Amino acid sequence: MTRLPELYVIGAPKSGTTSLAGWLADHPQITFSVPKEPFYWASDYPGMRSHYGFDTRARYAALFASAPEGTMLAEGSTTYLYSERAVPDILAAVPGARFVVALRNPVDLLISWHRTQLVSLNESEADFATAWRRSVAGGMPDTTPLDPKLVDYPRVGRLGAAVERLLAQAPRDRVHVVLLEELSADPEQAWRALADFAGIAADPLPSFDVRNASTKAARFTAVRRITHRPPRLLAGPLRALRQWSRTTSLPAVAALKRRMWRAATLPSVRPEVRAEVAAYLASDVALLSERLGTDLSRWATVPSG
């Protein structure tokens, strides 16, 4: 019988999901998917599913085919928080599924997310303020994103709307919320709460090193474009090569992958732009506060950083 994941780290992006997934993946009671984000259940993001190669149940299930008996299966696709289909379809297939949601100040999230979309070749505008205002006006970048929703920055920033939809789809006791600021301030406490929610042992503690910081850029732009936006005839072989590179333990491959990136400075955004985005999202932050029963008004009035 095909086993499917029981635990899903579903977003929000750039809010600590890579750390949470890494902690879980290091745990002996968990088998976490490689890649972290297969995107299978987000059928309303077909370009993402096709690009990463997990657009059929057979391909998706194969990620977990060698999982040791008795381990809990898990994955971490951040599009699921925004997808209208993912959570209902997961619960139809896995009625006891549980969902982990990481959240942060949406202004900080969007600044980091915009940079990620540049690296992912979904975005062409390097200036965050320009990209934000274009998106608010309904415009698109001068490139073809894997899905237009990825560069709909107001939609990505509306965490309140996303959480409200999630809580209408899944029982509240099957949703675990982690705030990035709390995770950063006390990672051990965040881990212990996550382990308790997942039903696994909290000890030994995982490494709490920072993971997936927004401090890198492609060293070779042309190579990046060929490997991640290849011509149709090369798409299948290069997708298979990317997946093999994620799973192999060969030191030479790890060294080559490190060579493909260069250090980059963190994005800097003017205070007035941050205030503009915060004001736009203030009502959604109020909605999120209401749905979680937590005062998050600081996110709407004093953007961090």
Protein backbone atom coordinates (compact mmCIF):
# COMPACT_ATOMS: atom_id res chain seq x y z
CA MET A 1 0.00 0.00 0.00
CA THR A 2 1.32 3.44 -0.96
CA ARG A 3 2.14 5.63 2.02
CA LEU A 4 1.61 9.38 1.86
CA PRO A 5 2.92 12.10 4.18
CA GLU A 6 1.12 12.75 7.43
CA LEU A 7 2.93 16.00 8.28
CA TYR A 8 3.13 19.07 6.04
CA VAL A 9 5.17 22.26 6.54
CA ILE A 10 2.99 24.42 4.31
CA GLY A 11 4.35 27.97 4.62
CA ALA A 12 4.54 30.87 4.67
CA PRO A 13 7.67 31.15 2.52
CA LYS A 14 10.75 32.91 3.88
CA SER A 15 9.38 32.50 7.41
CA GLY A 16 11.55 29.72 8.81
CA THR A 17 10.10 26.78 6.90
CA THR A 18 13.54 25.59 5.77
CA SER A 19 14.74 25.49 9.37
CA LEU A 20 11.62 23.66 10.54
CA ALA A 21 11.89 21.18 7.67
CA GLY A 22 15.60 20.68 8.36
CA TRP A 23 14.98 19.97 12.02
CA LEU A 24 12.35 17.41 11.11
CA ALA A 25 14.48 15.85 8.36
CA ASP A 26 17.32 15.29 10.85
CA HIS A 27 15.03 13.39 13.21
CA PRO A 28 15.22 9.57 13.15
CA GLN A 29 11.44 9.26 13.42
CA ILE A 30 10.83 11.36 10.28
CA THR A 31 11.37 10.72 6.57
CA PHE A 32 11.28 14.12 4.86
CA SER A 33 10.97 14.49 1.10
CA VAL A 34 13.92 15.45 -1.07
CA PRO A 35 13.33 18.00 -2.47
CA LYS A 36 11.68 19.75 0.48
CA GLU A 37 9.00 21.18 -1.82
CA PRO A 38 7.51 18.74 -4.37
CA PHE A 39 4.37 20.92 -4.79
CA TYR A 40 2.29 17.85 -5.69
CA TRP A 41 -0.94 18.74 -3.88
CA ALA A 42 -1.07 22.31 -5.24
CA SER A 43 -2.83 21.34 -8.46
CA ASP A 44 -3.75 25.00 -8.97
CA TYR A 45 -0.01 25.66 -9.44
CA PRO A 46 0.47 23.33 -12.45
CA GLY A 47 3.65 25.03 -13.66
CA MET A 48 5.37 24.40 -10.35
CA ARG A 49 4.33 20.74 -10.26
CA SER A 50 5.48 20.17 -13.83
CA HIS A 51 8.78 22.03 -13.40
CA TYR A 52 9.79 20.01 -10.35
CA GLY A 53 8.51 16.76 -11.83
CA PHE A 54 6.00 15.60 -9.22
CA ASP A 55 2.76 16.09 -11.10
CA THR A 56 1.58 12.47 -10.83
CA ARG A 57 0.74 10.42 -7.76
CA ALA A 58 3.28 7.77 -8.78
CA ARG A 59 6.17 10.24 -8.99
CA TYR A 60 5.16 11.84 -5.71
CA ALA A 61 4.80 8.53 -3.86
CA ALA A 62 8.22 7.46 -5.17
CA LEU A 63 9.78 10.16 -2.97
CA PHE A 64 8.83 8.06 0.05
CA ALA A 65 9.15 4.55 -1.39
CA SER A 66 12.34 3.77 0.55
CA ALA A 67 11.19 5.30 3.85
CA PRO A 68 12.00 3.02 6.81
CA GLU A 69 8.97 1.29 8.23
CA GLY A 70 7.52 3.14 11.18
CA THR A 71 8.87 6.59 10.29
CA MET A 72 6.51 9.51 9.81
CA LEU A 73 6.48 10.89 6.28
CA ALA A 74 6.67 14.66 5.82
CA GLU A 75 7.17 17.32 3.17
CA GLY A 76 7.30 21.12 3.02
CA SER A 77 5.69 22.82 0.01
CA THR A 78 4.99 26.47 0.83
CA THR A 79 2.50 26.93 -2.02
CA TYR A 80 0.04 24.80 -0.04
CA LEU A 81 -0.75 27.72 2.26
CA TYR A 82 -1.97 29.75 -0.73
CA SER A 83 -3.45 26.92 -2.76
CA GLU A 84 -7.22 26.56 -2.67
CA ARG A 85 -6.99 22.83 -3.46
CA ALA A 86 -3.99 21.47 -1.59
CA VAL A 87 -5.28 21.12 1.97
CA PRO A 88 -8.73 19.70 1.05
CA ASP A 89 -7.08 17.18 -1.29
CA ILE A 90 -4.52 16.20 1.34
CA LEU A 91 -7.23 15.65 3.95
CA ALA A 92 -9.29 13.60 1.49
CA ALA A 93 -6.30 11.29 0.98
CA VAL A 94 -4.82 11.48 4.50
CA PRO A 95 -7.65 12.33 6.96
CA GLY A 96 -5.28 12.61 9.92
CA ALA A 97 -2.80 14.96 8.21
CA ARG A 98 -1.27 17.77 10.26
CA PHE A 99 -0.07 21.16 9.07
CA VAL A 100 2.75 23.42 10.27
CA VAL A 101 2.50 27.13 9.39
CA ALA A 102 5.40 29.53 9.89
CA LEU A 103 4.56 33.24 9.81
CA ARG A 104 6.45 36.51 9.94
CA ASN A 105 5.98 40.22 9.43
CA PRO A 106 4.60 40.25 5.86
CA VAL A 107 6.71 43.27 4.89
CA ASP A 108 9.90 41.35 5.67
CA LEU A 109 8.46 38.25 4.02
CA LEU A 110 7.75 40.08 0.77
CA ILE A 111 11.15 41.74 0.57
CA SER A 112 12.83 38.36 0.97
CA TRP A 113 10.31 36.62 -1.31
CA HIS A 114 10.90 39.17 -4.08
CA ARG A 115 14.60 38.38 -3.96
CA THR A 116 13.84 34.66 -4.13
CA GLN A 117 11.73 35.20 -7.23
CA LEU A 118 14.62 37.01 -8.89
CA VAL A 119 16.91 34.06 -8.16
CA SER A 120 14.20 31.64 -9.35
CA LEU A 121 13.84 33.60 -12.63
CA ASN A 122 10.17 34.31 -11.98
CA GLU A 123 10.85 38.05 -11.52
CA SER A 124 12.73 40.49 -13.76
CA GLU A 125 12.48 43.75 -11.76
CA ALA A 126 15.37 44.06 -9.29
CA ASP A 127 13.88 46.98 -7.35
CA PHE A 128 11.40 45.77 -4.74
CA ALA A 129 9.36 48.99 -4.63
CA THR A 130 8.89 48.97 -8.40
CA ALA A 131 7.93 45.30 -8.42
CA TRP A 132 5.50 45.79 -5.52
CA ARG A 133 3.73 48.76 -7.14
CA ARG A 134 3.54 46.95 -10.48
CA SER A 135 1.92 43.98 -8.76
CA VAL A 136 -0.56 46.14 -6.84
CA ALA A 137 -1.59 47.61 -10.20
CA GLY A 138 -2.08 44.11 -11.64
CA GLY A 139 1.05 44.08 -13.77
CA MET A 140 3.45 41.22 -14.50
CA PRO A 141 7.26 41.06 -14.84
CA ASP A 142 9.04 40.99 -18.19
CA THR A 143 9.51 37.24 -17.94
CA THR A 144 7.34 34.15 -17.73
CA PRO A 145 7.01 32.95 -14.12
CA LEU A 146 6.23 29.33 -13.40
CA ASP A 147 2.93 30.61 -12.04
CA PRO A 148 1.62 34.22 -12.05
CA LYS A 149 0.52 33.83 -8.43
CA LEU A 150 4.17 33.63 -7.37
CA VAL A 151 4.70 37.29 -8.29
CA ASP A 152 1.32 38.50 -7.04
CA TYR A 153 2.95 40.16 -4.04
CA PRO A 154 -0.25 41.43 -2.37
CA ARG A 155 -1.61 37.88 -2.47
CA VAL A 156 1.58 36.41 -1.01
CA GLY A 157 1.58 39.04 1.73
CA ARG A 158 -2.03 38.44 2.80
CA LEU A 159 -1.24 35.91 5.50
CA GLY A 160 -4.52 36.60 7.27
CA ALA A 161 -6.55 35.56 4.23
CA ALA A 162 -4.39 32.46 3.75
CA VAL A 163 -4.69 31.38 7.39
CA GLU A 164 -8.42 32.08 7.41
CA ARG A 165 -8.85 29.73 4.42
CA LEU A 166 -6.66 27.08 6.05
CA LEU A 167 -8.64 27.14 9.30
CA ALA A 168 -11.86 26.77 7.31
CA GLN A 169 -10.40 23.65 5.66
CA ALA A 170 -8.54 21.91 8.50
CA PRO A 171 -9.41 21.30 12.18
CA ARG A 172 -7.67 23.85 14.40
CA ASP A 173 -5.98 21.16 16.49
CA ARG A 174 -4.26 19.90 13.35
CA VAL A 175 -2.66 23.28 12.60
CA HIS A 176 0.51 24.38 14.40
CA VAL A 177 1.58 28.03 14.01
CA VAL A 178 5.17 29.21 14.50
CA LEU A 179 6.11 32.90 14.45
CA LEU A 180 9.58 33.50 13.01
CA GLU A 181 10.43 36.07 15.68
CA GLU A 182 9.73 33.49 18.40
CA LEU A 183 11.60 30.79 16.52
CA SER A 184 14.63 33.08 16.23
CA ALA A 185 14.49 34.18 19.87
CA ASP A 186 14.16 30.68 21.33
CA PRO A 187 14.68 27.92 18.75
CA GLU A 188 14.77 25.18 21.37
CA GLN A 189 11.33 26.09 22.65
CA ALA A 190 10.03 26.31 19.09
CA TRP A 191 11.46 22.87 18.37
CA ARG A 192 9.98 21.30 21.47
CA ALA A 193 6.53 22.68 20.63
CA LEU A 194 6.87 21.38 17.06
CA ALA A 195 8.00 17.94 18.24
CA ASP A 196 5.06 17.75 20.62
CA PHE A 197 2.66 18.66 17.80
CA ALA A 198 4.22 16.04 15.49
CA GLY A 199 4.21 13.40 18.21
CA ILE A 200 7.94 12.71 18.09
CA ALA A 201 10.68 12.82 20.72
CA ALA A 202 12.20 16.28 21.24
CA ASP A 203 15.62 14.90 22.21
CA PRO A 204 18.27 14.92 20.98
CA LEU A 205 18.03 18.53 19.89
CA PRO A 206 18.67 19.37 16.21
CA SER A 207 21.23 21.92 15.06
CA PHE A 208 19.79 25.41 15.27
CA ASP A 209 22.09 26.95 12.66
CA VAL A 210 20.44 29.44 10.27
CA ARG A 211 19.25 27.78 7.07
CA ASN A 212 18.32 29.32 3.70
CA ALA A 213 19.34 32.90 4.45
CA SER A 214 18.68 35.33 1.58
CA THR A 215 22.36 36.04 1.04
CA LYS A 216 23.18 34.34 -2.25
CA ALA A 217 22.85 34.96 -5.97
CA ALA A 218 23.64 32.90 -9.04
CA ARG A 219 27.29 33.20 -10.05
CA PHE A 220 26.65 32.18 -13.67
CA THR A 221 23.35 33.64 -14.85
CA ALA A 222 23.38 31.90 -18.22
CA VAL A 223 23.99 28.49 -16.62
CA ARG A 224 21.24 29.14 -14.09
CA ARG A 225 18.81 29.97 -16.87
CA ILE A 226 19.69 26.86 -18.90
CA THR A 227 19.33 24.52 -15.92
CA HIS A 228 16.12 26.08 -14.53
CA ARG A 229 14.41 27.33 -17.69
CA PRO A 230 15.67 24.84 -20.28
CA PRO A 231 14.27 24.34 -23.78
CA ARG A 232 11.41 21.85 -23.80
CA LEU A 233 13.52 19.02 -25.21
CA LEU A 234 15.99 19.33 -22.33
CA ALA A 235 13.45 19.89 -19.55
CA GLY A 236 13.04 16.22 -18.60
CA PRO A 237 16.73 15.28 -18.48
CA LEU A 238 17.71 18.45 -16.60
CA ARG A 239 14.89 17.95 -14.10
CA ALA A 240 16.17 14.43 -13.44
CA LEU A 241 19.72 15.79 -13.10
CA ARG A 242 18.60 18.41 -10.57
CA GLN A 243 16.82 15.78 -8.50
CA TRP A 244 19.86 13.47 -8.61
CA SER A 245 22.09 16.36 -7.46
CA ARG A 246 19.81 16.87 -4.45
CA THR A 247 20.01 13.26 -3.33
CA THR A 248 23.60 12.26 -4.11
CA SER A 249 26.21 12.39 -1.36
CA LEU A 250 29.18 12.80 -3.71
CA PRO A 251 31.51 15.52 -2.34
CA ALA A 252 32.36 16.74 -5.85
CA VAL A 253 28.69 17.45 -6.57
CA ALA A 254 28.30 19.38 -3.32
CA ALA A 255 31.41 21.43 -4.16
CA LEU A 256 30.13 22.18 -7.66
CA LYS A 257 26.76 23.30 -6.31
CA ARG A 258 28.47 25.67 -3.87
CA ARG A 259 30.51 27.05 -6.75
CA MET A 260 27.33 27.98 -8.61
CA TRP A 261 26.48 30.63 -6.01
CA ARG A 262 28.11 33.84 -4.83
CA ALA A 263 27.55 35.87 -1.68
CA ALA A 264 25.14 38.77 -1.97
CA THR A 265 24.07 41.49 0.42
CA LEU A 266 20.66 41.40 2.07
CA PRO A 267 18.06 43.51 0.26
CA SER A 268 17.68 47.06 1.51
CA VAL A 269 14.34 48.86 1.25
CA ARG A 270 13.63 52.48 2.15
CA PRO A 271 11.55 53.06 5.31
CA GLU A 272 8.82 54.84 3.36
CA VAL A 273 8.42 51.84 1.06
CA ARG A 274 8.18 49.50 4.03
CA ALA A 275 5.53 51.79 5.56
CA GLU A 276 3.63 51.78 2.26
CA VAL A 277 3.50 47.98 2.16
CA ALA A 278 2.61 47.75 5.85
CA ALA A 279 -0.30 50.17 5.39
CA TYR A 280 -1.58 48.20 2.41
CA LEU A 281 -1.58 44.97 4.44
CA ALA A 282 -2.77 46.43 7.76
CA SER A 283 -6.33 45.11 7.50
CA ASP A 284 -5.07 41.64 6.65
CA VAL A 285 -2.72 41.69 9.65
CA ALA A 286 -5.76 42.58 11.79
CA LEU A 287 -7.57 39.58 10.32
CA LEU A 288 -4.61 37.34 11.12
CA SER A 289 -4.51 38.63 14.69
CA GLU A 290 -8.19 37.83 15.06
CA ARG A 291 -7.91 34.33 13.62
CA LEU A 292 -4.91 33.42 15.79
CA GLY A 293 -6.04 35.26 18.91
CA THR A 294 -2.64 36.98 19.00
CA ASP A 295 -1.88 40.70 18.86
CA LEU A 296 0.21 41.28 15.73
CA SER A 297 -0.51 45.00 15.37
CA ARG A 298 3.24 45.69 15.56
CA TRP A 299 3.53 44.19 12.08
CA ALA A 300 1.16 46.78 10.63
CA THR A 301 2.63 49.83 12.34
CA VAL A 302 6.37 49.33 12.84
CA PRO A 303 7.93 47.13 10.16
CA SER A 304 11.12 45.52 11.43
CA GLY A 305 14.59 45.87 10.03
